[in-house]
Amino acid sequence: MNKVDITPEAVELVKQIANKNGALIFHQSGGCCDGSAPMLFAEGDMYLDESDILLGEVGGVPFYMNKDQYAYWKFTHLTVDIVEGRGASFSLEIPYGFRFLVRSRLFTDEEIKELDIK
């Protein structure tokens, strides 16, 4: 069971961006710029510290979120997707005519037990 997944369409966009930019990371924005959108950065372009946690890997890319935001979202499964249009962030997909977004649902009781979420 994953805490975060990605759609096949989003994976294809990530591959295109990785071919141009090399290693990447996702960071779930906590409200800056484009609301709470997942943002894609070249590895090293986003400062990560002890307040950021790794939720998993999607499309070969690590996915991070701030601990404080995770406290609110820990019972939520996230799926990274794309839609046409331009976001208002610094994320790398902007020149491609798409923006990343996260679709969410609450974990079931069984999933919460499996993931050992407290």
N, C-alpha and C. Protein backbone atom coordinates (compact mmCIF):
# COMPACT_ATOMS: atom_id res chain seq x y z
N MET A 1 0.84 -1.18 0.00
CA MET A 1 0.00 0.00 0.00
C MET A 1 0.88 1.24 0.00
N ASN A 2 0.64 2.12 -0.93
CA ASN A 2 1.38 3.38 -1.04
C ASN A 2 0.56 4.52 -0.45
N LYS A 3 1.27 5.51 0.06
CA LYS A 3 0.60 6.72 0.53
C LYS A 3 0.36 7.69 -0.62
N VAL A 4 1.15 7.53 -1.67
CA VAL A 4 1.03 8.42 -2.83
C VAL A 4 1.26 7.60 -4.10
N ASP A 5 0.46 7.88 -5.12
CA ASP A 5 0.56 7.23 -6.42
C ASP A 5 0.57 8.30 -7.50
N ILE A 6 0.64 7.86 -8.76
CA ILE A 6 0.69 8.79 -9.88
C ILE A 6 -0.03 8.17 -11.07
N THR A 7 -0.71 8.98 -11.85
CA THR A 7 -1.41 8.48 -13.03
C THR A 7 -0.40 8.22 -14.16
N PRO A 8 -0.76 7.33 -15.09
CA PRO A 8 0.14 7.08 -16.23
C PRO A 8 0.42 8.35 -17.04
N GLU A 9 -0.57 9.22 -17.19
CA GLU A 9 -0.37 10.47 -17.95
C GLU A 9 0.65 11.37 -17.25
N ALA A 10 0.58 11.42 -15.93
CA ALA A 10 1.55 12.23 -15.18
C ALA A 10 2.94 11.62 -15.27
N VAL A 11 3.04 10.29 -15.27
CA VAL A 11 4.34 9.63 -15.41
C VAL A 11 5.00 10.02 -16.73
N GLU A 12 4.21 10.05 -17.80
CA GLU A 12 4.77 10.41 -19.11
C GLU A 12 5.33 11.83 -19.09
N LEU A 13 4.62 12.75 -18.46
CA LEU A 13 5.11 14.13 -18.37
C LEU A 13 6.37 14.18 -17.51
N VAL A 14 6.40 13.46 -16.42
CA VAL A 14 7.60 13.42 -15.56
C VAL A 14 8.80 12.91 -16.37
N LYS A 15 8.60 11.88 -17.18
CA LYS A 15 9.69 11.35 -18.01
C LYS A 15 10.24 12.41 -18.96
N GLN A 16 9.34 13.16 -19.60
CA GLN A 16 9.79 14.23 -20.51
C GLN A 16 10.62 15.27 -19.76
N ILE A 17 10.14 15.63 -18.59
CA ILE A 17 10.83 16.66 -17.80
C ILE A 17 12.18 16.13 -17.30
N ALA A 18 12.22 14.86 -16.88
CA ALA A 18 13.47 14.26 -16.41
C ALA A 18 14.50 14.17 -17.53
N ASN A 19 14.04 13.89 -18.76
CA ASN A 19 14.97 13.83 -19.90
C ASN A 19 15.67 15.16 -20.11
N LYS A 20 14.98 16.24 -19.80
CA LYS A 20 15.56 17.57 -19.97
C LYS A 20 16.33 18.05 -18.73
N ASN A 21 15.87 17.68 -17.54
CA ASN A 21 16.38 18.26 -16.30
C ASN A 21 17.16 17.31 -15.40
N GLY A 22 17.18 16.03 -15.71
CA GLY A 22 17.88 15.07 -14.86
C GLY A 22 17.03 14.65 -13.67
N ALA A 23 17.70 14.32 -12.56
CA ALA A 23 17.02 13.83 -11.36
C ALA A 23 16.05 14.89 -10.83
N LEU A 24 14.90 14.42 -10.35
CA LEU A 24 13.81 15.31 -9.92
C LEU A 24 13.32 14.93 -8.53
N ILE A 25 12.59 15.86 -7.91
CA ILE A 25 11.84 15.57 -6.68
C ILE A 25 10.48 16.27 -6.76
N PHE A 26 9.48 15.64 -6.16
CA PHE A 26 8.19 16.28 -5.93
C PHE A 26 8.17 16.80 -4.51
N HIS A 27 7.54 17.96 -4.32
CA HIS A 27 7.27 18.46 -2.98
C HIS A 27 5.84 18.96 -2.97
N GLN A 28 5.05 18.44 -2.03
CA GLN A 28 3.66 18.87 -1.92
C GLN A 28 3.63 20.25 -1.28
N SER A 29 3.21 21.22 -2.04
CA SER A 29 3.15 22.59 -1.56
C SER A 29 2.13 22.71 -0.45
N GLY A 30 2.44 23.55 0.51
CA GLY A 30 1.53 23.77 1.62
C GLY A 30 0.70 25.02 1.46
N GLY A 31 0.62 25.57 0.27
CA GLY A 31 -0.24 26.72 0.05
C GLY A 31 0.43 27.88 -0.66
N CYS A 32 1.73 27.86 -0.78
CA CYS A 32 2.44 28.92 -1.49
C CYS A 32 2.13 28.81 -2.98
N CYS A 33 2.12 29.90 -3.64
CA CYS A 33 2.01 29.98 -5.10
C CYS A 33 0.73 29.37 -5.64
N ASP A 34 0.74 28.09 -5.93
CA ASP A 34 -0.37 27.43 -6.61
C ASP A 34 -1.26 26.66 -5.64
N GLY A 35 -1.52 27.23 -4.49
CA GLY A 35 -2.36 26.52 -3.51
C GLY A 35 -1.61 25.37 -2.90
N SER A 36 -2.22 24.21 -2.90
CA SER A 36 -1.55 23.03 -2.35
C SER A 36 -1.32 22.04 -3.47
N ALA A 37 -0.57 22.44 -4.46
CA ALA A 37 -0.26 21.61 -5.62
C ALA A 37 1.06 20.89 -5.43
N PRO A 38 1.19 19.69 -5.98
CA PRO A 38 2.49 19.04 -5.97
C PRO A 38 3.40 19.77 -6.96
N MET A 39 4.59 20.11 -6.52
CA MET A 39 5.51 20.83 -7.38
C MET A 39 6.72 19.96 -7.68
N LEU A 40 7.17 20.02 -8.92
CA LEU A 40 8.29 19.22 -9.40
C LEU A 40 9.51 20.11 -9.58
N PHE A 41 10.62 19.70 -8.97
CA PHE A 41 11.86 20.47 -9.03
C PHE A 41 13.00 19.57 -9.46
N ALA A 42 14.02 20.17 -10.06
CA ALA A 42 15.27 19.45 -10.27
C ALA A 42 15.86 19.16 -8.90
N GLU A 43 16.39 17.96 -8.74
CA GLU A 43 17.00 17.61 -7.46
C GLU A 43 18.05 18.65 -7.09
N GLY A 44 17.98 19.16 -5.88
CA GLY A 44 18.91 20.19 -5.43
C GLY A 44 18.37 21.59 -5.54
N ASP A 45 17.28 21.79 -6.29
CA ASP A 45 16.68 23.12 -6.43
C ASP A 45 15.67 23.44 -5.34
N MET A 46 15.29 22.44 -4.57
CA MET A 46 14.35 22.63 -3.46
C MET A 46 15.08 22.26 -2.19
N TYR A 47 15.13 23.18 -1.26
CA TYR A 47 15.80 22.93 0.01
C TYR A 47 14.92 22.04 0.88
N LEU A 48 15.43 20.86 1.20
CA LEU A 48 14.74 19.94 2.09
C LEU A 48 15.51 19.89 3.40
N ASP A 49 14.77 19.79 4.51
CA ASP A 49 15.42 19.68 5.81
C ASP A 49 14.66 18.69 6.67
N GLU A 50 14.95 18.67 7.96
CA GLU A 50 14.31 17.71 8.87
C GLU A 50 12.81 17.92 9.00
N SER A 51 12.28 19.03 8.51
CA SER A 51 10.84 19.25 8.57
C SER A 51 10.10 18.62 7.39
N ASP A 52 10.83 18.05 6.44
CA ASP A 52 10.22 17.40 5.28
C ASP A 52 10.34 15.89 5.43
N ILE A 53 9.27 15.19 5.05
CA ILE A 53 9.29 13.73 5.12
C ILE A 53 9.04 13.14 3.73
N LEU A 54 9.63 12.00 3.50
CA LEU A 54 9.46 11.28 2.25
C LEU A 54 8.23 10.39 2.38
N LEU A 55 7.22 10.63 1.52
CA LEU A 55 6.01 9.81 1.55
C LEU A 55 6.13 8.57 0.68
N GLY A 56 7.01 8.63 -0.30
CA GLY A 56 7.18 7.52 -1.22
C GLY A 56 7.81 8.00 -2.51
N GLU A 57 7.71 7.17 -3.52
CA GLU A 57 8.26 7.49 -4.83
C GLU A 57 7.16 7.31 -5.86
N VAL A 58 7.04 8.26 -6.79
CA VAL A 58 6.05 8.17 -7.86
C VAL A 58 6.74 8.42 -9.19
N GLY A 59 6.54 7.52 -10.12
CA GLY A 59 7.16 7.68 -11.43
C GLY A 59 8.66 7.78 -11.34
N GLY A 60 9.27 7.12 -10.36
CA GLY A 60 10.71 7.17 -10.19
C GLY A 60 11.22 8.42 -9.50
N VAL A 61 10.30 9.22 -8.94
CA VAL A 61 10.67 10.50 -8.33
C VAL A 61 10.25 10.50 -6.85
N PRO A 62 11.16 10.85 -5.93
CA PRO A 62 10.77 10.93 -4.52
C PRO A 62 9.72 12.02 -4.31
N PHE A 63 8.78 11.76 -3.40
CA PHE A 63 7.68 12.68 -3.12
C PHE A 63 7.74 13.07 -1.65
N TYR A 64 7.96 14.36 -1.38
CA TYR A 64 8.13 14.90 -0.03
C TYR A 64 6.96 15.80 0.36
N MET A 65 6.78 15.91 1.68
CA MET A 65 5.78 16.82 2.22
C MET A 65 6.31 17.31 3.57
N ASN A 66 5.97 18.54 3.92
CA ASN A 66 6.34 19.07 5.22
C ASN A 66 5.61 18.31 6.32
N LYS A 67 6.30 18.05 7.44
CA LYS A 67 5.71 17.30 8.56
C LYS A 67 4.41 17.92 9.07
N ASP A 68 4.38 19.23 9.16
CA ASP A 68 3.17 19.89 9.67
C ASP A 68 1.98 19.66 8.75
N GLN A 69 2.22 19.73 7.45
CA GLN A 69 1.13 19.47 6.51
C GLN A 69 0.73 18.00 6.56
N TYR A 70 1.72 17.11 6.68
CA TYR A 70 1.42 15.68 6.76
C TYR A 70 0.53 15.37 7.96
N ALA A 71 0.70 16.08 9.05
CA ALA A 71 -0.13 15.86 10.24
C ALA A 71 -1.62 16.01 9.89
N TYR A 72 -1.94 16.91 8.97
CA TYR A 72 -3.32 17.10 8.52
C TYR A 72 -3.75 16.06 7.49
N TRP A 73 -2.81 15.61 6.66
CA TRP A 73 -3.12 14.76 5.52
C TRP A 73 -2.78 13.29 5.73
N LYS A 74 -2.34 12.89 6.91
CA LYS A 74 -1.81 11.54 7.09
C LYS A 74 -2.83 10.43 6.84
N PHE A 75 -4.12 10.73 6.93
CA PHE A 75 -5.14 9.73 6.67
C PHE A 75 -5.66 9.80 5.23
N THR A 76 -4.90 10.46 4.37
CA THR A 76 -5.33 10.72 2.99
C THR A 76 -4.38 10.09 1.99
N HIS A 77 -4.94 9.33 1.05
CA HIS A 77 -4.16 8.79 -0.06
C HIS A 77 -4.11 9.85 -1.16
N LEU A 78 -2.94 10.09 -1.71
CA LEU A 78 -2.74 11.10 -2.75
C LEU A 78 -2.42 10.44 -4.08
N THR A 79 -2.96 10.99 -5.15
CA THR A 79 -2.61 10.56 -6.50
C THR A 79 -2.23 11.80 -7.30
N VAL A 80 -1.00 11.82 -7.80
CA VAL A 80 -0.52 12.92 -8.63
C VAL A 80 -1.09 12.73 -10.03
N ASP A 81 -1.70 13.80 -10.55
CA ASP A 81 -2.30 13.77 -11.88
C ASP A 81 -1.91 15.06 -12.59
N ILE A 82 -2.32 15.20 -13.84
CA ILE A 82 -2.07 16.43 -14.59
C ILE A 82 -3.37 16.91 -15.22
N VAL A 83 -3.44 18.21 -15.44
CA VAL A 83 -4.51 18.82 -16.21
C VAL A 83 -3.87 19.86 -17.13
N GLU A 84 -4.55 20.13 -18.22
CA GLU A 84 -4.06 21.17 -19.12
C GLU A 84 -4.17 22.52 -18.44
N GLY A 85 -3.25 23.37 -18.75
CA GLY A 85 -3.28 24.72 -18.19
C GLY A 85 -1.97 25.07 -17.53
N ARG A 86 -1.90 26.30 -17.10
CA ARG A 86 -0.69 26.81 -16.50
C ARG A 86 -0.94 27.10 -15.02
N GLY A 87 -0.09 26.53 -14.20
CA GLY A 87 -0.17 26.81 -12.77
C GLY A 87 0.55 28.10 -12.44
N ALA A 88 0.53 28.46 -11.17
CA ALA A 88 1.16 29.70 -10.72
C ALA A 88 2.32 29.41 -9.79
N SER A 89 3.06 28.34 -10.08
CA SER A 89 4.15 27.94 -9.20
C SER A 89 5.47 27.97 -9.95
N PHE A 90 6.49 27.46 -9.31
CA PHE A 90 7.82 27.36 -9.91
C PHE A 90 8.09 25.95 -10.39
N SER A 91 7.06 25.14 -10.48
CA SER A 91 7.19 23.74 -10.86
C SER A 91 7.60 23.62 -12.33
N LEU A 92 8.36 22.56 -12.63
CA LEU A 92 8.98 22.41 -13.95
C LEU A 92 8.02 22.09 -15.10
N GLU A 93 6.77 21.73 -14.81
CA GLU A 93 5.86 21.36 -15.90
C GLU A 93 5.25 22.56 -16.62
N ILE A 94 5.40 23.75 -16.10
CA ILE A 94 4.73 24.93 -16.65
C ILE A 94 4.97 25.11 -18.16
N PRO A 95 6.21 25.00 -18.67
CA PRO A 95 6.40 25.20 -20.11
C PRO A 95 5.76 24.13 -21.00
N TYR A 96 5.30 23.05 -20.40
CA TYR A 96 4.72 21.95 -21.17
C TYR A 96 3.21 22.10 -21.38
N GLY A 97 2.61 23.13 -20.80
CA GLY A 97 1.18 23.37 -20.99
C GLY A 97 0.29 22.56 -20.05
N PHE A 98 0.89 22.00 -19.01
CA PHE A 98 0.15 21.23 -18.02
C PHE A 98 0.51 21.71 -16.63
N ARG A 99 -0.28 21.28 -15.66
CA ARG A 99 0.09 21.50 -14.27
C ARG A 99 -0.26 20.25 -13.49
N PHE A 100 0.56 19.97 -12.49
CA PHE A 100 0.29 18.84 -11.63
C PHE A 100 -0.78 19.22 -10.62
N LEU A 101 -1.58 18.25 -10.23
CA LEU A 101 -2.52 18.43 -9.14
C LEU A 101 -2.59 17.12 -8.39
N VAL A 102 -3.10 17.18 -7.19
CA VAL A 102 -3.23 15.97 -6.39
C VAL A 102 -4.71 15.67 -6.21
N ARG A 103 -5.06 14.43 -6.46
CA ARG A 103 -6.40 13.95 -6.19
C ARG A 103 -6.29 13.15 -4.89
N SER A 104 -7.30 13.25 -4.05
CA SER A 104 -7.17 12.61 -2.74
C SER A 104 -8.42 11.86 -2.35
N ARG A 105 -8.21 10.93 -1.46
CA ARG A 105 -9.31 10.18 -0.84
C ARG A 105 -8.83 9.76 0.53
N LEU A 106 -9.74 9.55 1.44
CA LEU A 106 -9.38 9.07 2.76
C LEU A 106 -9.02 7.58 2.69
N PHE A 107 -8.02 7.19 3.47
CA PHE A 107 -7.70 5.78 3.59
C PHE A 107 -8.86 5.05 4.26
N THR A 108 -9.06 3.80 3.90
CA THR A 108 -10.04 2.97 4.59
C THR A 108 -9.46 2.57 5.95
N ASP A 109 -10.30 2.06 6.84
CA ASP A 109 -9.82 1.59 8.13
C ASP A 109 -8.77 0.49 7.97
N GLU A 110 -8.99 -0.39 7.00
CA GLU A 110 -8.03 -1.47 6.75
C GLU A 110 -6.68 -0.92 6.27
N GLU A 111 -6.72 0.07 5.40
CA GLU A 111 -5.47 0.68 4.91
C GLU A 111 -4.74 1.39 6.04
N ILE A 112 -5.48 2.05 6.92
CA ILE A 112 -4.84 2.74 8.05
C ILE A 112 -4.12 1.73 8.93
N LYS A 113 -4.72 0.58 9.16
CA LYS A 113 -4.07 -0.46 9.95
C LYS A 113 -2.83 -0.98 9.24
N GLU A 114 -2.94 -1.23 7.94
CA GLU A 114 -1.81 -1.75 7.15
C GLU A 114 -0.65 -0.76 7.17
N LEU A 115 -0.95 0.52 7.05
CA LEU A 115 0.09 1.54 7.03
C LEU A 115 0.56 1.93 8.44
N ASP A 116 -0.14 1.44 9.44
CA ASP A 116 0.19 1.74 10.85
C ASP A 116 0.24 3.24 11.10
N ILE A 117 -0.82 3.92 10.65
CA ILE A 117 -0.93 5.38 10.84
C ILE A 117 -1.58 5.64 12.20
N LYS A 118 -0.98 6.53 12.94
CA LYS A 118 -1.52 6.88 14.26
C LYS A 118 -1.86 8.35 14.30
